[in-house]
PDB file of N, CA and C in Angstrom:
ATOM      1  N   MET A   1       0.844  -1.172   0.000  1.00  0.00           N
ATOM      2  CA  MET A   1       0.000   0.000   0.000  1.00  0.00           C
ATOM      3  C   MET A   1       0.882   1.224   0.000  1.00  0.00           C
ATOM      4  N   LEU A   2       0.382   2.235  -0.599  1.00  0.00           N
ATOM      5  CA  LEU A   2       1.136   3.467  -0.695  1.00  0.00           C
ATOM      6  C   LEU A   2       0.503   4.574   0.134  1.00  0.00           C
ATOM      7  N   SER A   3      -0.809   4.678   0.074  1.00  0.00           N
ATOM      8  CA  SER A   3      -1.476   5.791   0.734  1.00  0.00           C
ATOM      9  C   SER A   3      -2.869   5.381   1.204  1.00  0.00           C
ATOM     10  N   GLU A   4      -3.083   5.513   2.492  1.00  0.00           N
ATOM     11  CA  GLU A   4      -4.387   5.209   3.086  1.00  0.00           C
ATOM     12  C   GLU A   4      -5.243   6.479   3.127  1.00  0.00           C
ATOM     13  N   PRO A   5      -6.561   6.340   3.314  1.00  0.00           N
ATOM     14  CA  PRO A   5      -7.424   7.519   3.389  1.00  0.00           C
ATOM     15  C   PRO A   5      -6.988   8.542   4.448  1.00  0.00           C
ATOM     16  N   ALA A   6      -6.382   8.075   5.532  1.00  0.00           N
ATOM     17  CA  ALA A   6      -5.956   8.991   6.598  1.00  0.00           C
ATOM     18  C   ALA A   6      -4.930  10.012   6.112  1.00  0.00           C
ATOM     19  N   VAL A   7      -4.180   9.672   5.076  1.00  0.00           N
ATOM     20  CA  VAL A   7      -3.168  10.587   4.539  1.00  0.00           C
ATOM     21  C   VAL A   7      -3.814  11.875   4.047  1.00  0.00           C
ATOM     22  N   VAL A   8      -5.045  11.785   3.565  1.00  0.00           N
ATOM     23  CA  VAL A   8      -5.746  12.979   3.089  1.00  0.00           C
ATOM     24  C   VAL A   8      -6.818  13.431   4.088  1.00  0.00           C
ATOM     25  N   GLY A   9      -6.690  12.983   5.332  1.00  0.00           N
ATOM     26  CA  GLY A   9      -7.533  13.484   6.404  1.00  0.00           C
ATOM     27  C   GLY A   9      -8.840  12.761   6.626  1.00  0.00           C
ATOM     28  N   LEU A  10      -9.015  11.585   6.045  1.00  0.00           N
ATOM     29  CA  LEU A  10     -10.265  10.841   6.236  1.00  0.00           C
ATOM     30  C   LEU A  10     -10.028   9.609   7.091  1.00  0.00           C
ATOM     31  N   LYS A  11     -10.952   9.356   8.013  1.00  0.00           N
ATOM     32  CA  LYS A  11     -10.851   8.182   8.881  1.00  0.00           C
ATOM     33  C   LYS A  11     -11.786   7.100   8.376  1.00  0.00           C
ATOM     34  N   GLY A  12     -11.419   5.860   8.646  1.00  0.00           N
ATOM     35  CA  GLY A  12     -12.273   4.736   8.284  1.00  0.00           C
ATOM     36  C   GLY A  12     -11.672   3.884   7.198  1.00  0.00           C
ATOM     37  N   LYS A  13     -12.362   2.794   6.921  1.00  0.00           N
ATOM     38  CA  LYS A  13     -11.908   1.850   5.906  1.00  0.00           C
ATOM     39  C   LYS A  13     -12.087   2.450   4.510  1.00  0.00           C
ATOM     40  N   PRO A  14     -11.257   2.006   3.565  1.00  0.00           N
ATOM     41  CA  PRO A  14     -11.395   2.547   2.211  1.00  0.00           C
ATOM     42  C   PRO A  14     -12.719   2.159   1.562  1.00  0.00           C
ATOM     43  N   GLN A  15     -13.255   3.096   0.796  1.00  0.00           N
ATOM     44  CA  GLN A  15     -14.467   2.851   0.022  1.00  0.00           C
ATOM     45  C   GLN A  15     -14.140   2.473  -1.417  1.00  0.00           C
ATOM     46  N   ALA A  16     -12.885   2.683  -1.802  1.00  0.00           N
ATOM     47  CA  ALA A  16     -12.412   2.343  -3.142  1.00  0.00           C
ATOM     48  C   ALA A  16     -10.901   2.169  -3.085  1.00  0.00           C
ATOM     49  N   VAL A  17     -10.378   1.440  -4.058  1.00  0.00           N
ATOM     50  CA  VAL A  17      -8.931   1.228  -4.164  1.00  0.00           C
ATOM     51  C   VAL A  17      -8.502   1.609  -5.577  1.00  0.00           C
ATOM     52  N   ILE A  18      -7.446   2.391  -5.660  1.00  0.00           N
ATOM     53  CA  ILE A  18      -6.839   2.706  -6.954  1.00  0.00           C
ATOM     54  C   ILE A  18      -5.491   2.006  -7.006  1.00  0.00           C
ATOM     55  N   LEU A  19      -5.293   1.183  -8.030  1.00  0.00           N
ATOM     56  CA  LEU A  19      -4.017   0.506  -8.248  1.00  0.00           C
ATOM     57  C   LEU A  19      -3.267   1.255  -9.347  1.00  0.00           C
ATOM     58  N   ALA A  20      -1.961   1.432  -9.167  1.00  0.00           N
ATOM     59  CA  ALA A  20      -1.175   2.152 -10.165  1.00  0.00           C
ATOM     60  C   ALA A  20       0.260   1.650 -10.176  1.00  0.00           C
ATOM     61  N   THR A  21       0.915   1.886 -11.288  1.00  0.00           N
ATOM     62  CA  THR A  21       2.327   1.542 -11.413  1.00  0.00           C
ATOM     63  C   THR A  21       3.086   2.740 -11.956  1.00  0.00           C
ATOM     64  N   GLY A  22       4.343   2.834 -11.593  1.00  0.00           N
ATOM     65  CA  GLY A  22       5.242   3.828 -12.170  1.00  0.00           C
ATOM     66  C   GLY A  22       4.701   5.233 -12.254  1.00  0.00           C
ATOM     67  N   SER A  23       4.692   5.766 -13.473  1.00  0.00           N
ATOM     68  CA  SER A  23       4.313   7.165 -13.674  1.00  0.00           C
ATOM     69  C   SER A  23       2.839   7.433 -13.400  1.00  0.00           C
ATOM     70  N   GLU A  24       2.029   6.398 -13.267  1.00  0.00           N
ATOM     71  CA  GLU A  24       0.613   6.577 -12.968  1.00  0.00           C
ATOM     72  C   GLU A  24       0.347   6.813 -11.482  1.00  0.00           C
ATOM     73  N   VAL A  25       1.325   6.520 -10.628  1.00  0.00           N
ATOM     74  CA  VAL A  25       1.139   6.683  -9.176  1.00  0.00           C
ATOM     75  C   VAL A  25       0.787   8.127  -8.812  1.00  0.00           C
ATOM     76  N   PRO A  26       1.482   9.146  -9.336  1.00  0.00           N
ATOM     77  CA  PRO A  26       1.083  10.516  -9.002  1.00  0.00           C
ATOM     78  C   PRO A  26      -0.357  10.838  -9.418  1.00  0.00           C
ATOM     79  N   LEU A  27      -0.823  10.277 -10.522  1.00  0.00           N
ATOM     80  CA  LEU A  27      -2.214  10.482 -10.942  1.00  0.00           C
ATOM     81  C   LEU A  27      -3.172   9.862  -9.930  1.00  0.00           C
ATOM     82  N   ALA A  28      -2.834   8.668  -9.448  1.00  0.00           N
ATOM     83  CA  ALA A  28      -3.667   7.996  -8.458  1.00  0.00           C
ATOM     84  C   ALA A  28      -3.713   8.789  -7.153  1.00  0.00           C
ATOM     85  N   LEU A  29      -2.572   9.314  -6.743  1.00  0.00           N
ATOM     86  CA  LEU A  29      -2.528  10.107  -5.509  1.00  0.00           C
ATOM     87  C   LEU A  29      -3.326  11.403  -5.662  1.00  0.00           C
ATOM     88  N   ALA A  30      -3.258  12.014  -6.840  1.00  0.00           N
ATOM     89  CA  ALA A  30      -4.041  13.225  -7.089  1.00  0.00           C
ATOM     90  C   ALA A  30      -5.536  12.911  -7.061  1.00  0.00           C
ATOM     91  N   ALA A  31      -5.917  11.759  -7.623  1.00  0.00           N
ATOM     92  CA  ALA A  31      -7.324  11.348  -7.593  1.00  0.00           C
ATOM     93  C   ALA A  31      -7.777  11.097  -6.161  1.00  0.00           C
ATOM     94  N   GLN A  32      -6.924  10.465  -5.359  1.00  0.00           N
ATOM     95  CA  GLN A  32      -7.258  10.208  -3.955  1.00  0.00           C
ATOM     96  C   GLN A  32      -7.526  11.525  -3.231  1.00  0.00           C
ATOM     97  N   LYS A  33      -6.656  12.491  -3.447  1.00  0.00           N
ATOM     98  CA  LYS A  33      -6.798  13.798  -2.782  1.00  0.00           C
ATOM     99  C   LYS A  33      -8.076  14.498  -3.231  1.00  0.00           C
ATOM    100  N   ARG A  34      -8.348  14.454  -4.521  1.00  0.00           N
ATOM    101  CA  ARG A  34      -9.550  15.107  -5.057  1.00  0.00           C
ATOM    102  C   ARG A  34     -10.813  14.432  -4.542  1.00  0.00           C
ATOM    103  N   LEU A  35     -10.840  13.105  -4.542  1.00  0.00           N
ATOM    104  CA  LEU A  35     -12.027  12.389  -4.075  1.00  0.00           C
ATOM    105  C   LEU A  35     -12.272  12.568  -2.586  1.00  0.00           C
ATOM    106  N   ALA A  36     -11.239  12.932  -1.833  1.00  0.00           N
ATOM    107  CA  ALA A  36     -11.385  13.165  -0.393  1.00  0.00           C
ATOM    108  C   ALA A  36     -12.052  14.502  -0.076  1.00  0.00           C
ATOM    109  N   GLU A  37     -12.129  15.380  -1.053  1.00  0.00           N
ATOM    110  CA  GLU A  37     -12.732  16.698  -0.825  1.00  0.00           C
ATOM    111  C   GLU A  37     -14.230  16.557  -0.540  1.00  0.00           C
ATOM    112  N   PRO A  38     -14.748  17.380   0.384  1.00  0.00           N
ATOM    113  CA  PRO A  38     -16.183  17.312   0.697  1.00  0.00           C
ATOM    114  C   PRO A  38     -17.073  17.473  -0.528  1.00  0.00           C
ATOM    115  N   ALA A  39     -16.691  18.331  -1.453  1.00  0.00           N
ATOM    116  CA  ALA A  39     -17.501  18.550  -2.657  1.00  0.00           C
ATOM    117  C   ALA A  39     -17.593  17.301  -3.528  1.00  0.00           C
ATOM    118  N   MET A  40     -16.650  16.394  -3.374  1.00  0.00           N
ATOM    119  CA  MET A  40     -16.653  15.143  -4.139  1.00  0.00           C
ATOM    120  C   MET A  40     -17.263  13.998  -3.339  1.00  0.00           C
ATOM    121  N   GLY A  41     -17.699  14.273  -2.124  1.00  0.00           N
ATOM    122  CA  GLY A  41     -18.335  13.251  -1.299  1.00  0.00           C
ATOM    123  C   GLY A  41     -17.440  12.657  -0.233  1.00  0.00           C
ATOM    124  N   ALA A  42     -16.234  13.202  -0.074  1.00  0.00           N
ATOM    125  CA  ALA A  42     -15.281  12.717   0.932  1.00  0.00           C
ATOM    126  C   ALA A  42     -15.122  11.198   0.848  1.00  0.00           C
ATOM    127  N   ILE A  43     -14.811  10.719  -0.341  1.00  0.00           N
ATOM    128  CA  ILE A  43     -14.663   9.283  -0.579  1.00  0.00           C
ATOM    129  C   ILE A  43     -13.300   8.822  -0.082  1.00  0.00           C
ATOM    130  N   ARG A  44     -13.324   7.788   0.757  1.00  0.00           N
ATOM    131  CA  ARG A  44     -12.087   7.236   1.322  1.00  0.00           C
ATOM    132  C   ARG A  44     -11.446   6.281   0.322  1.00  0.00           C
ATOM    133  N   VAL A  45     -10.284   6.671  -0.193  1.00  0.00           N
ATOM    134  CA  VAL A  45      -9.613   5.894  -1.230  1.00  0.00           C
ATOM    135  C   VAL A  45      -8.244   5.442  -0.749  1.00  0.00           C
ATOM    136  N   ARG A  46      -7.951   4.182  -0.985  1.00  0.00           N
ATOM    137  CA  ARG A  46      -6.615   3.626  -0.744  1.00  0.00           C
ATOM    138  C   ARG A  46      -5.900   3.594  -2.093  1.00  0.00           C
ATOM    139  N   VAL A  47      -4.645   4.046  -2.117  1.00  0.00           N
ATOM    140  CA  VAL A  47      -3.835   3.942  -3.326  1.00  0.00           C
ATOM    141  C   VAL A  47      -2.803   2.845  -3.109  1.00  0.00           C
ATOM    142  N   VAL A  48      -2.755   1.918  -4.066  1.00  0.00           N
ATOM    143  CA  VAL A  48      -1.818   0.802  -4.001  1.00  0.00           C
ATOM    144  C   VAL A  48      -0.860   0.904  -5.182  1.00  0.00           C
ATOM    145  N   SER A  49       0.415   1.008  -4.877  1.00  0.00           N
ATOM    146  CA  SER A  49       1.438   0.978  -5.909  1.00  0.00           C
ATOM    147  C   SER A  49       1.790  -0.478  -6.193  1.00  0.00           C
ATOM    148  N   VAL A  50       1.683  -0.865  -7.457  1.00  0.00           N
ATOM    149  CA  VAL A  50       1.966  -2.239  -7.854  1.00  0.00           C
ATOM    150  C   VAL A  50       3.081  -2.206  -8.908  1.00  0.00           C
ATOM    151  N   PRO A  51       4.328  -2.055  -8.464  1.00  0.00           N
ATOM    152  CA  PRO A  51       5.412  -1.978  -9.441  1.00  0.00           C
ATOM    153  C   PRO A  51       5.631  -3.295 -10.185  1.00  0.00           C
ATOM    154  N   SER A  52       5.218  -4.407  -9.565  1.00  0.00           N
ATOM    155  CA  SER A  52       5.357  -5.712 -10.210  1.00  0.00           C
ATOM    156  C   SER A  52       4.146  -6.569  -9.872  1.00  0.00           C
ATOM    157  N   THR A  53       3.301  -6.799 -10.861  1.00  0.00           N
ATOM    158  CA  THR A  53       2.145  -7.661 -10.610  1.00  0.00           C
ATOM    159  C   THR A  53       2.600  -9.095 -10.346  1.00  0.00           C
ATOM    160  N   THR A  54       3.720  -9.489 -10.921  1.00  0.00           N
ATOM    161  CA  THR A  54       4.248 -10.837 -10.690  1.00  0.00           C
ATOM    162  C   THR A  54       4.580 -11.040  -9.221  1.00  0.00           C
ATOM    163  N   VAL A  55       5.244 -10.066  -8.618  1.00  0.00           N
ATOM    164  CA  VAL A  55       5.594 -10.161  -7.200  1.00  0.00           C
ATOM    165  C   VAL A  55       4.326 -10.116  -6.346  1.00  0.00           C
ATOM    166  N   PHE A  56       3.400  -9.225  -6.668  1.00  0.00           N
ATOM    167  CA  PHE A  56       2.153  -9.138  -5.908  1.00  0.00           C
ATOM    168  C   PHE A  56       1.390 -10.462  -5.971  1.00  0.00           C
ATOM    169  N   ASP A  57       1.339 -11.057  -7.158  1.00  0.00           N
ATOM    170  CA  ASP A  57       0.603 -12.315  -7.324  1.00  0.00           C
ATOM    171  C   ASP A  57       1.197 -13.454  -6.502  1.00  0.00           C
ATOM    172  N   ARG A  58       2.454 -13.384  -6.170  1.00  0.00           N
ATOM    173  CA  ARG A  58       3.117 -14.438  -5.389  1.00  0.00           C
ATOM    174  C   ARG A  58       2.860 -14.313  -3.883  1.00  0.00           C
ATOM    175  N   GLN A  59       2.249 -13.236  -3.452  1.00  0.00           N
ATOM    176  CA  GLN A  59       1.983 -13.035  -2.027  1.00  0.00           C
ATOM    177  C   GLN A  59       0.869 -13.980  -1.564  1.00  0.00           C
ATOM    178  N   THR A  60       0.751 -14.124  -0.265  1.00  0.00           N
ATOM    179  CA  THR A  60      -0.299 -14.988   0.281  1.00  0.00           C
ATOM    180  C   THR A  60      -1.671 -14.397   0.000  1.00  0.00           C
ATOM    181  N   THR A  61      -2.660 -15.258  -0.030  1.00  0.00           N
ATOM    182  CA  THR A  61      -4.031 -14.800  -0.232  1.00  0.00           C
ATOM    183  C   THR A  61      -4.434 -13.819   0.858  1.00  0.00           C
ATOM    184  N   ALA A  62      -4.034 -14.100   2.100  1.00  0.00           N
ATOM    185  CA  ALA A  62      -4.377 -13.212   3.222  1.00  0.00           C
ATOM    186  C   ALA A  62      -3.801 -11.813   2.999  1.00  0.00           C
ATOM    187  N   TYR A  63      -2.561 -11.756   2.540  1.00  0.00           N
ATOM    188  CA  TYR A  63      -1.940 -10.447   2.286  1.00  0.00           C
ATOM    189  C   TYR A  63      -2.678  -9.713   1.171  1.00  0.00           C
ATOM    190  N   LYS A  64      -2.930 -10.403   0.070  1.00  0.00           N
ATOM    191  CA  LYS A  64      -3.609  -9.760  -1.057  1.00  0.00           C
ATOM    192  C   LYS A  64      -4.992  -9.251  -0.658  1.00  0.00           C
ATOM    193  N   ARG A  65      -5.697 -10.014   0.168  1.00  0.00           N
ATOM    194  CA  ARG A  65      -7.012  -9.557   0.636  1.00  0.00           C
ATOM    195  C   ARG A  65      -6.909  -8.371   1.584  1.00  0.00           C
ATOM    196  N   SER A  66      -5.817  -8.310   2.333  1.00  0.00           N
ATOM    197  CA  SER A  66      -5.646  -7.157   3.233  1.00  0.00           C
ATOM    198  C   SER A  66      -5.379  -5.885   2.436  1.00  0.00           C
ATOM    199  N   VAL A  67      -4.726  -6.016   1.300  1.00  0.00           N
ATOM    200  CA  VAL A  67      -4.432  -4.862   0.440  1.00  0.00           C
ATOM    201  C   VAL A  67      -5.630  -4.515  -0.438  1.00  0.00           C
ATOM    202  N   LEU A  68      -6.281  -5.545  -0.961  1.00  0.00           N
ATOM    203  CA  LEU A  68      -7.445  -5.381  -1.837  1.00  0.00           C
ATOM    204  C   LEU A  68      -8.648  -6.059  -1.187  1.00  0.00           C
ATOM    205  N   PRO A  69      -9.298  -5.367  -0.246  1.00  0.00           N
ATOM    206  CA  PRO A  69     -10.395  -5.992   0.493  1.00  0.00           C
ATOM    207  C   PRO A  69     -11.563  -6.389  -0.418  1.00  0.00           C
ATOM    208  N   ASP A  70     -12.195  -7.500  -0.081  1.00  0.00           N
ATOM    209  CA  ASP A  70     -13.383  -7.942  -0.806  1.00  0.00           C
ATOM    210  C   ASP A  70     -14.474  -6.888  -0.706  1.00  0.00           C
ATOM    211  N   GLY A  71     -15.229  -6.729  -1.772  1.00  0.00           N
ATOM    212  CA  GLY A  71     -16.375  -5.823  -1.756  1.00  0.00           C
ATOM    213  C   GLY A  71     -16.049  -4.361  -1.939  1.00  0.00           C
ATOM    214  N   VAL A  72     -14.783  -4.015  -2.105  1.00  0.00           N
ATOM    215  CA  VAL A  72     -14.386  -2.622  -2.291  1.00  0.00           C
ATOM    216  C   VAL A  72     -14.053  -2.419  -3.774  1.00  0.00           C
ATOM    217  N   PRO A  73     -14.708  -1.463  -4.431  1.00  0.00           N
ATOM    218  CA  PRO A  73     -14.428  -1.235  -5.852  1.00  0.00           C
ATOM    219  C   PRO A  73     -12.954  -0.902  -6.082  1.00  0.00           C
ATOM    220  N   ARG A  74     -12.442  -1.383  -7.217  1.00  0.00           N
ATOM    221  CA  ARG A  74     -11.029  -1.172  -7.564  1.00  0.00           C
ATOM    222  C   ARG A  74     -10.936  -0.577  -8.958  1.00  0.00           C
ATOM    223  N   VAL A  75     -10.007   0.337  -9.109  1.00  0.00           N
ATOM    224  CA  VAL A  75      -9.738   0.952 -10.401  1.00  0.00           C
ATOM    225  C   VAL A  75      -8.239   0.910 -10.623  1.00  0.00           C
ATOM    226  N   ALA A  76      -7.830   0.430 -11.783  1.00  0.00           N
ATOM    227  CA  ALA A  76      -6.410   0.412 -12.138  1.00  0.00           C
ATOM    228  C   ALA A  76      -6.127   1.571 -13.081  1.00  0.00           C
ATOM    229  N   VAL A  77      -5.054   2.293 -12.801  1.00  0.00           N
ATOM    230  CA  VAL A  77      -4.629   3.394 -13.655  1.00  0.00           C
ATOM    231  C   VAL A  77      -3.410   2.915 -14.427  1.00  0.00           C
ATOM    232  N   GLU A  78      -3.561   2.828 -15.736  1.00  0.00           N
ATOM    233  CA  GLU A  78      -2.487   2.307 -16.580  1.00  0.00           C
ATOM    234  C   GLU A  78      -2.472   3.068 -17.893  1.00  0.00           C
ATOM    235  N   ALA A  79      -1.361   3.704 -18.194  1.00  0.00           N
ATOM    236  CA  ALA A  79      -1.259   4.482 -19.431  1.00  0.00           C
ATOM    237  C   ALA A  79      -1.013   3.591 -20.635  1.00  0.00           C
ATOM    238  N   GLY A  80      -0.506   2.406 -20.408  1.00  0.00           N
ATOM    239  CA  GLY A  80      -0.166   1.529 -21.522  1.00  0.00           C
ATOM    240  C   GLY A  80      -1.302   0.616 -21.921  1.00  0.00           C
ATOM    241  N   VAL A  81      -1.299  -0.586 -21.394  1.00  0.00           N
ATOM    242  CA  VAL A  81      -2.284  -1.599 -21.778  1.00  0.00           C
ATOM    243  C   VAL A  81      -3.068  -2.068 -20.556  1.00  0.00           C
ATOM    244  N   THR A  82      -4.235  -2.634 -20.809  1.00  0.00           N
ATOM    245  CA  THR A  82      -5.070  -3.129 -19.706  1.00  0.00           C
ATOM    246  C   THR A  82      -4.736  -4.571 -19.355  1.00  0.00           C
ATOM    247  N   ASP A  83      -3.818  -5.165 -20.070  1.00  0.00           N
ATOM    248  CA  ASP A  83      -3.439  -6.559 -19.846  1.00  0.00           C
ATOM    249  C   ASP A  83      -3.152  -6.861 -18.377  1.00  0.00           C
ATOM    250  N   GLY A  84      -3.812  -7.853 -17.847  1.00  0.00           N
ATOM    251  CA  GLY A  84      -3.501  -8.337 -16.508  1.00  0.00           C
ATOM    252  C   GLY A  84      -4.265  -7.708 -15.367  1.00  0.00           C
ATOM    253  N   TRP A  85      -4.766  -6.492 -15.522  1.00  0.00           N
ATOM    254  CA  TRP A  85      -5.462  -5.841 -14.401  1.00  0.00           C
ATOM    255  C   TRP A  85      -6.774  -6.528 -14.068  1.00  0.00           C
ATOM    256  N   TRP A  86      -7.370  -7.252 -15.027  1.00  0.00           N
ATOM    257  CA  TRP A  86      -8.643  -7.930 -14.800  1.00  0.00           C
ATOM    258  C   TRP A  86      -8.586  -8.872 -13.605  1.00  0.00           C
ATOM    259  N   LYS A  87      -7.405  -9.428 -13.317  1.00  0.00           N
ATOM    260  CA  LYS A  87      -7.313 -10.421 -12.245  1.00  0.00           C
ATOM    261  C   LYS A  87      -7.471  -9.823 -10.849  1.00  0.00           C
ATOM    262  N   TYR A  88      -7.498  -8.497 -10.754  1.00  0.00           N
ATOM    263  CA  TYR A  88      -7.663  -7.858  -9.444  1.00  0.00           C
ATOM    264  C   TYR A  88      -9.102  -7.451  -9.186  1.00  0.00           C
ATOM    265  N   GLY A  89      -9.996  -7.917  -9.991  1.00  0.00           N
ATOM    266  CA  GLY A  89     -11.413  -7.692  -9.754  1.00  0.00           C
ATOM    267  C   GLY A  89     -12.101  -7.136 -10.973  1.00  0.00           C
ATOM    268  N   PRO A  90     -13.398  -7.357 -11.048  1.00  0.00           N
ATOM    269  CA  PRO A  90     -14.140  -6.927 -12.237  1.00  0.00           C
ATOM    270  C   PRO A  90     -14.131  -5.421 -12.461  1.00  0.00           C
ATOM    271  N   THR A  91     -13.932  -4.653 -11.409  1.00  0.00           N
ATOM    272  CA  THR A  91     -13.918  -3.199 -11.584  1.00  0.00           C
ATOM    273  C   THR A  91     -12.517  -2.673 -11.849  1.00  0.00           C
ATOM    274  N   ALA A  92     -11.510  -3.544 -11.813  1.00  0.00           N
ATOM    275  CA  ALA A  92     -10.141  -3.067 -11.956  1.00  0.00           C
ATOM    276  C   ALA A  92      -9.708  -2.891 -13.395  1.00  0.00           C
ATOM    277  N   CYS A  93     -10.443  -3.419 -14.332  1.00  0.00           N
ATOM    278  CA  CYS A  93      -9.988  -3.338 -15.725  1.00  0.00           C
ATOM    279  C   CYS A  93     -11.084  -2.760 -16.594  1.00  0.00           C
ATOM    280  N   ARG A  94     -11.081  -1.477 -16.728  1.00  0.00           N
ATOM    281  CA  ARG A  94     -11.979  -0.782 -17.646  1.00  0.00           C
ATOM    282  C   ARG A  94     -11.084   0.090 -18.516  1.00  0.00           C
ATOM    283  N   ALA A  95     -11.275   0.027 -19.790  1.00  0.00           N
ATOM    284  CA  ALA A  95     -10.440   0.810 -20.704  1.00  0.00           C
ATOM    285  C   ALA A  95     -11.224   1.998 -21.237  1.00  0.00           C
ATOM    286  N   TRP A  96     -10.670   3.165 -21.077  1.00  0.00           N
ATOM    287  CA  TRP A  96     -11.233   4.378 -21.648  1.00  0.00           C
ATOM    288  C   TRP A  96     -10.182   4.962 -22.575  1.00  0.00           C
ATOM    289  N   PRO A  97     -10.581   5.398 -23.751  1.00  0.00           N
ATOM    290  CA  PRO A  97      -9.594   5.993 -24.645  1.00  0.00           C
ATOM    291  C   PRO A  97      -9.069   7.303 -24.059  1.00  0.00           C
ATOM    292  N   SER A  98      -7.815   7.546 -24.263  1.00  0.00           N
ATOM    293  CA  SER A  98      -7.253   8.809 -23.775  1.00  0.00           C
ATOM    294  C   SER A  98      -7.696   9.933 -24.702  1.00  0.00           C
ATOM    295  N   ARG A  99      -7.768  11.120 -24.130  1.00  0.00           N
ATOM    296  CA  ARG A  99      -8.140  12.279 -24.931  1.00  0.00           C
ATOM    297  C   ARG A  99      -6.924  12.755 -25.720  1.00  0.00           C
ATOM    298  N   PRO A 100      -7.133  13.200 -26.944  1.00  0.00           N
ATOM    299  CA  PRO A 100      -5.995  13.711 -27.718  1.00  0.00           C
ATOM    300  C   PRO A 100      -5.410  14.952 -27.049  1.00  0.00           C
ATOM    301  N   ALA A 101      -4.111  15.100 -27.193  1.00  0.00           N
ATOM    302  CA  ALA A 101      -3.418  16.252 -26.578  1.00  0.00           C
ATOM    303  C   ALA A 101      -3.739  17.524 -27.314  1.00  0.00           C
TER     304      ALA A 101
END
């Protein structure tokens, strides 16, 4: 885990999880901060940095569940491909086209 909801001033269990790797981590942290704002509903978001899905996949089931709790929506932030994110839950792999610069 990289950042719990308490980092942005919210108490309680996460209501959503954002998974990110590399250069996408700052985007995930910015989203966490924005979603914590009262105007956005003060949503408690956990940010998980996953630099290696291979290493994460080798962890115990108990550990993976502690990082990615059951019943909590997950969103993966990936600038490249959506390959592999599906295994972290049905909400973790949604592809949206990027907007042209």
